[in-house]
Amino acid sequence: MPEREQWARTRVRSSRHARRGAWYRVIRATPLEGTLLVNRQPLTVPRSFLQILPFRPQMWSVVARLPNAPYPPLAWGASYGVCPSCSARAPLGQHALKVCCPRCNSVFPVAWADSAWCVFESSGDGDRGRATPSPAVPPR
């Protein structure tokens, strides 16, 4: 039986290659590290820096703007969004419920709080997505 596909994003700035908030396909995951496919190249990141899920979320990631960062613009405020489809960055507005991506024109809801995804996270013990979806939070 083929292994299920997994997706991950970095919880912290871990590499100049992996952007915070963007979802990447997991090539391999061990208790200590995860190898992601970033721009068609493998990138190994410490497991503790990753959020790994058994599906690719279809909601905008909300990312805190780093102090003194030249991009995104200060006018976007303290946070910005990362499109779940194409990983483009965009301003989110004041608690918008849905946002249209300026690059791919897809419309997705915004994950202002994504704590419900915790039930889907891989534990890091070699398990590849053991958690099953809760009826209250179905994957999209």
Foldseek 3Di string as FASTA:
>chain_A
DDAQKKKKAFQDPFDPQGDHQAIFIWPDAALFWTWTQGPNDTDIGGPVRMWMFSDQAQAWEKAADDPPDVPPDCVLPGIWTAGSPPRDIGRDPDQDQWDQDPPPRDIHGHCPDDPLRVQQTDPRHRDRRPGDDDPVDDGD
